[in-house]
Protein backbone atom coordinates (compact mmCIF):
# COMPACT_ATOMS: atom_id res chain seq x y z
CA UNK A 1 1.29 1.96 -16.07
CA UNK A 2 1.67 4.80 -13.47
CA UNK A 3 -1.51 5.37 -11.40
CA UNK A 4 -0.15 8.30 -8.85
CA UNK A 5 -0.12 10.55 -12.04
CA UNK A 6 -2.83 12.40 -12.17
CA UNK A 7 -4.05 11.54 -16.13
CA UNK A 8 -4.59 8.26 -15.05
CA UNK A 9 -6.46 8.91 -12.44
CA UNK A 10 -8.31 10.91 -13.55
CA UNK A 11 -9.40 8.47 -16.38
CA UNK A 12 -9.76 5.26 -13.63
CA UNK A 13 -11.50 7.58 -11.14
CA UNK A 14 -14.11 8.99 -13.77
CA UNK A 15 -16.68 10.35 -11.52
CA UNK A 16 -16.66 8.13 -9.09
CA UNK A 17 -14.93 11.01 -6.52
CA UNK A 18 -17.15 13.48 -4.17
CA UNK A 19 -17.21 17.08 -5.37
CA UNK A 20 -16.79 18.89 -1.77
CA UNK A 21 -15.30 17.36 1.57
CA UNK A 22 -12.47 17.36 3.51
CA UNK A 23 -9.59 15.56 2.34
CA UNK A 24 -8.68 12.03 4.37
CA UNK A 25 -4.82 11.68 5.92
CA UNK A 26 -4.44 8.85 3.31
CA UNK A 27 -6.05 7.45 0.73
CA UNK A 28 -4.71 3.99 -2.05
CA UNK A 29 -5.96 3.28 -5.54
CA UNK A 30 -5.97 -0.38 -7.28
CA UNK A 31 -6.25 -1.14 -10.83
CA UNK A 32 -6.28 -5.06 -10.09
CA UNK A 33 -9.66 -6.52 -12.17
CA UNK A 34 -9.85 -9.13 -9.15
CA UNK A 35 -10.71 -6.55 -6.22
CA UNK A 36 -12.29 -4.60 -8.45
CA UNK A 37 -14.55 -7.61 -8.82
CA UNK A 38 -14.51 -8.21 -5.35
CA UNK A 39 -15.75 -5.29 -4.47
CA UNK A 40 -18.58 -5.16 -7.17
CA UNK A 41 -19.67 -8.32 -5.32
CA UNK A 42 -19.97 -6.86 -2.33
CA UNK A 43 -22.45 -4.29 -3.31
CA UNK A 44 -24.17 -6.56 -5.38
CA UNK A 45 -24.66 -8.80 -1.87
CA UNK A 46 -25.31 -5.73 -0.03
CA UNK A 47 -27.71 -4.69 -1.58
CA UNK A 48 -29.76 -7.91 -1.77
CA UNK A 49 -29.38 -7.84 1.58
CA UNK A 50 -30.56 -4.95 2.22
CA UNK A 51 -33.80 -5.71 -0.01
CA UNK A 52 -34.40 -8.62 2.46
CA UNK A 53 -33.90 -5.80 5.70
CA UNK A 54 -36.58 -3.35 3.87
CA UNK A 55 -39.10 -6.43 3.70
CA UNK A 56 -38.38 -6.65 7.45
CA UNK A 57 -39.22 -2.94 7.87
CA UNK A 58 -42.21 -2.96 5.62
CA UNK A 59 -43.79 -5.69 7.73
CA UNK A 60 -44.24 -2.96 10.69
CA UNK A 61 -44.29 0.33 8.51
CA UNK A 62 -41.40 0.66 8.18
CA UNK A 63 -38.68 1.14 5.05
CA UNK A 64 -34.28 -0.74 4.86
CA UNK A 65 -33.81 3.45 5.14
CA UNK A 66 -35.31 3.43 8.37
CA UNK A 67 -32.62 0.82 10.10
CA UNK A 68 -29.52 1.55 12.32
CA UNK A 69 -26.32 -0.36 10.81
CA UNK A 70 -22.80 -0.32 12.59
CA UNK A 71 -19.46 -1.08 11.31
CA UNK A 72 -16.48 -2.66 13.30
CA UNK A 73 -13.92 -4.22 11.60
CA UNK A 74 -15.44 -6.86 8.90
CA UNK A 75 -18.69 -7.02 10.92
CA UNK A 76 -21.55 -5.43 9.36
CA UNK A 77 -24.65 -5.91 11.83
CA UNK A 78 -28.82 -4.34 11.69
CA UNK A 79 -29.45 -2.68 15.38
CA UNK A 80 -32.52 -2.16 15.04
CA UNK A 81 -35.25 0.60 13.84
CA UNK A 82 -35.69 3.66 14.09
CA UNK A 83 -38.53 4.18 16.60
CA UNK A 84 -41.30 6.61 14.77
CA UNK A 85 -42.16 9.62 17.25
CA UNK A 86 -45.84 8.47 18.00
CA UNK A 87 -44.34 5.91 19.62
CA UNK A 88 -42.16 7.67 21.94
CA UNK A 89 -44.62 10.25 23.36
CA UNK A 90 -46.73 9.18 26.94
CA UNK A 91 -49.63 7.44 26.29
CA UNK A 92 -48.65 6.41 22.54
CA UNK A 93 -49.60 3.16 21.16
CA UNK A 94 -47.30 0.33 22.60
CA UNK A 95 -44.62 -1.17 19.79
CA UNK A 96 -45.79 -3.68 17.06
CA UNK A 97 -46.20 -6.98 18.74
CA UNK A 98 -42.78 -9.21 18.12
CA UNK A 99 -41.00 -5.84 19.07
CA UNK A 100 -40.09 -3.39 21.59
CA UNK A 101 -38.65 -0.17 22.35
CA UNK A 102 -34.95 -0.54 23.61
CA UNK A 103 -34.27 2.89 25.04
CA UNK A 104 -30.46 1.91 26.44
CA UNK A 105 -28.75 3.07 23.28
CA UNK A 106 -28.33 6.69 22.89
CA UNK A 107 -31.22 6.73 20.37
CA UNK A 108 -33.95 4.90 21.00
CA UNK A 109 -34.68 1.83 18.84
CA UNK A 110 -37.04 -1.13 18.25
CA UNK A 111 -35.40 -4.69 18.08
CA UNK A 112 -37.22 -8.10 18.87
CA UNK A 113 -38.65 -8.76 22.02
CA UNK A 114 -36.69 -11.28 23.81
CA UNK A 115 -39.64 -11.41 27.57
CA UNK A 116 -40.26 -14.57 27.09
CA UNK A 117 -38.61 -18.22 25.26
CA UNK A 118 -41.49 -17.58 22.78
CA UNK A 119 -40.53 -14.27 22.27
CA UNK A 120 -36.76 -15.12 21.58
CA UNK A 121 -37.79 -18.04 19.22
CA UNK A 122 -40.66 -15.91 17.69
CA UNK A 123 -40.69 -15.00 14.22
CA UNK A 124 -39.82 -11.72 14.35
CA UNK A 125 -36.93 -12.95 16.27
CA UNK A 126 -35.78 -15.91 13.68
CA UNK A 127 -36.64 -13.00 10.61
CA UNK A 128 -34.01 -10.39 12.59
CA UNK A 129 -31.31 -12.32 12.75
CA UNK A 130 -31.30 -13.99 9.22
CA UNK A 131 -31.37 -10.37 8.44
CA UNK A 132 -28.43 -9.21 10.75
CA UNK A 133 -25.89 -9.34 10.20
CA UNK A 134 -25.04 -7.32 6.83
CA UNK A 135 -22.40 -7.94 4.02
CA UNK A 136 -18.81 -6.24 5.07
CA UNK A 137 -16.73 -5.45 2.12
CA UNK A 138 -13.14 -6.17 4.29
CA UNK A 139 -14.14 -9.28 3.92
CA UNK A 140 -14.08 -9.36 0.05
CA UNK A 141 -11.11 -6.29 -0.71
CA UNK A 142 -8.00 -7.72 0.12
CA UNK A 143 -4.39 -6.05 0.55
CA UNK A 144 -5.48 -3.51 3.06
CA UNK A 145 -5.67 -3.37 6.61
CA UNK A 146 -9.30 -3.10 7.99
CA UNK A 147 -8.12 0.18 10.33
CA UNK A 148 -4.67 2.45 11.62
CA UNK A 149 -4.14 2.57 14.89
CA UNK A 150 -2.57 5.46 16.07
CA UNK A 151 -1.62 6.93 20.01
CA UNK A 152 -2.90 10.46 18.61
CA UNK A 153 -4.43 11.12 22.25
CA UNK A 154 -3.16 11.78 25.93
CA UNK A 155 -5.38 8.78 27.35
CA UNK A 156 -5.21 6.01 24.45
CA UNK A 157 -4.87 6.27 21.07
CA UNK A 158 -8.05 6.23 18.19
CA UNK A 159 -8.58 3.77 15.38
CA UNK A 160 -8.97 4.71 12.10
CA UNK A 161 -10.98 2.93 9.68
CA UNK A 162 -10.52 2.44 6.22
CA UNK A 163 -13.42 2.86 4.21
CA UNK A 164 -13.69 1.45 0.35
CA UNK A 165 -15.16 3.36 -2.81
CA UNK A 166 -15.64 2.26 -6.82
CA UNK A 167 -13.92 4.80 -9.47
CA UNK A 168 -15.02 3.90 -13.04
CA UNK A 169 -11.76 1.83 -13.68
CA UNK A 170 -10.44 1.50 -10.51
CA UNK A 171 -10.91 0.41 -6.36
CA UNK A 172 -9.90 3.04 -3.83
CA UNK A 173 -9.75 3.18 -0.44
CA UNK A 174 -9.05 6.21 2.33
CA UNK A 175 -8.59 6.38 6.13
CA UNK A 176 -8.76 9.42 8.58
CA UNK A 177 -5.34 8.32 10.10
CA UNK A 178 -1.74 8.48 8.60
CA UNK A 179 0.07 6.24 8.73
CA UNK A 180 3.68 7.34 8.49
CA UNK A 181 2.54 8.77 11.64
CA UNK A 182 3.35 5.64 13.20
CA UNK A 183 5.60 5.34 15.58
CA UNK A 184 8.45 2.74 16.13
CA UNK A 185 6.80 0.83 18.56
CA UNK A 186 3.30 1.38 16.81
CA UNK A 187 4.60 -0.43 14.06
CA UNK A 188 5.84 -3.33 16.73
CA UNK A 189 2.71 -4.11 17.47
CA UNK A 190 0.37 -3.73 14.79
CA UNK A 191 2.56 -2.06 11.52
CA UNK A 192 -0.21 -1.01 9.08
CA UNK A 193 1.09 -2.52 5.43
CA UNK A 194 -0.48 -2.35 2.55
CA UNK A 195 -0.60 -4.94 -0.57
CA UNK A 196 1.89 -3.09 -3.38
CA UNK A 197 0.76 -5.35 -5.66
CA UNK A 198 -2.55 -4.49 -5.53
CA UNK A 199 -2.84 -1.10 -4.05
CA UNK A 200 -0.48 1.94 -4.50
CA UNK A 201 -0.95 4.88 -2.46
CA UNK A 202 -1.39 8.07 -4.29
CA UNK A 203 -0.74 11.73 -3.38
CA UNK A 204 -3.29 13.84 -1.54
CA UNK A 205 -3.10 16.27 -4.45
CA UNK A 206 -4.00 14.24 -7.09
CA UNK A 207 -7.65 13.48 -4.74
CA UNK A 208 -7.53 17.30 -4.08
CA UNK A 209 -6.85 18.20 -7.71
CA UNK A 210 -10.05 15.58 -8.22
CA UNK A 211 -12.12 16.60 -6.15
CA UNK A 212 -11.71 20.43 -7.52
CA UNK A 213 -12.04 19.27 -11.15
CA UNK A 214 -15.13 17.99 -10.21
CA UNK A 215 -16.75 20.32 -8.34
CA UNK A 216 -16.07 22.71 -11.43
CA UNK A 217 -17.79 20.76 -13.94
CA UNK A 218 -21.01 21.03 -11.85
CA UNK A 219 -21.17 24.17 -11.03
CA UNK A 220 -20.67 24.72 -15.09
CA UNK A 221 -24.00 22.33 -15.24
CA UNK A 222 -25.93 24.29 -12.84
């Protein structure tokens, strides 16, 4: 099966594609049953974990959507929760018991208090630690590097992560950097290579056409 064929890709992707937005620099597609099962397993685990985060958030009047999530490589962490606007003003009420406002980050956030040993070992800190590490898709899906590094700036380079999405009968991945732009020196240090038995490098023209078709379907149904 030629996955790069437009008709084949259309059938595999189904509706699992954005209708708008810029194109990535590179993308890959896998119809491998193990890769699809791995992605689905991650998604189920992730959703279950987010529910647990929501339970913790509910104790301070928030939801899981108020959580700040950070991903780097194979690690995904809960960094804290949104601070209610009322808690940021002068004379505002103090944070809930066991919590503090971390103002050292670019965006203030609610995190467990660590002022005393009792705080660090208290129920809030313990509950937060239990949900602070989320399932990361890169620990489930294999065959592609976690990211691509390119020396594309005057004073250093850029790390371009590889992201994953589910199609109707496939998993597809995309990256904001183009592996073809790696220099020979970069390849010697950390070459970006993929398992061709699991993943097929796809033409950008196929993705562009599928996005265009979906946008047309949405417009026609409006």
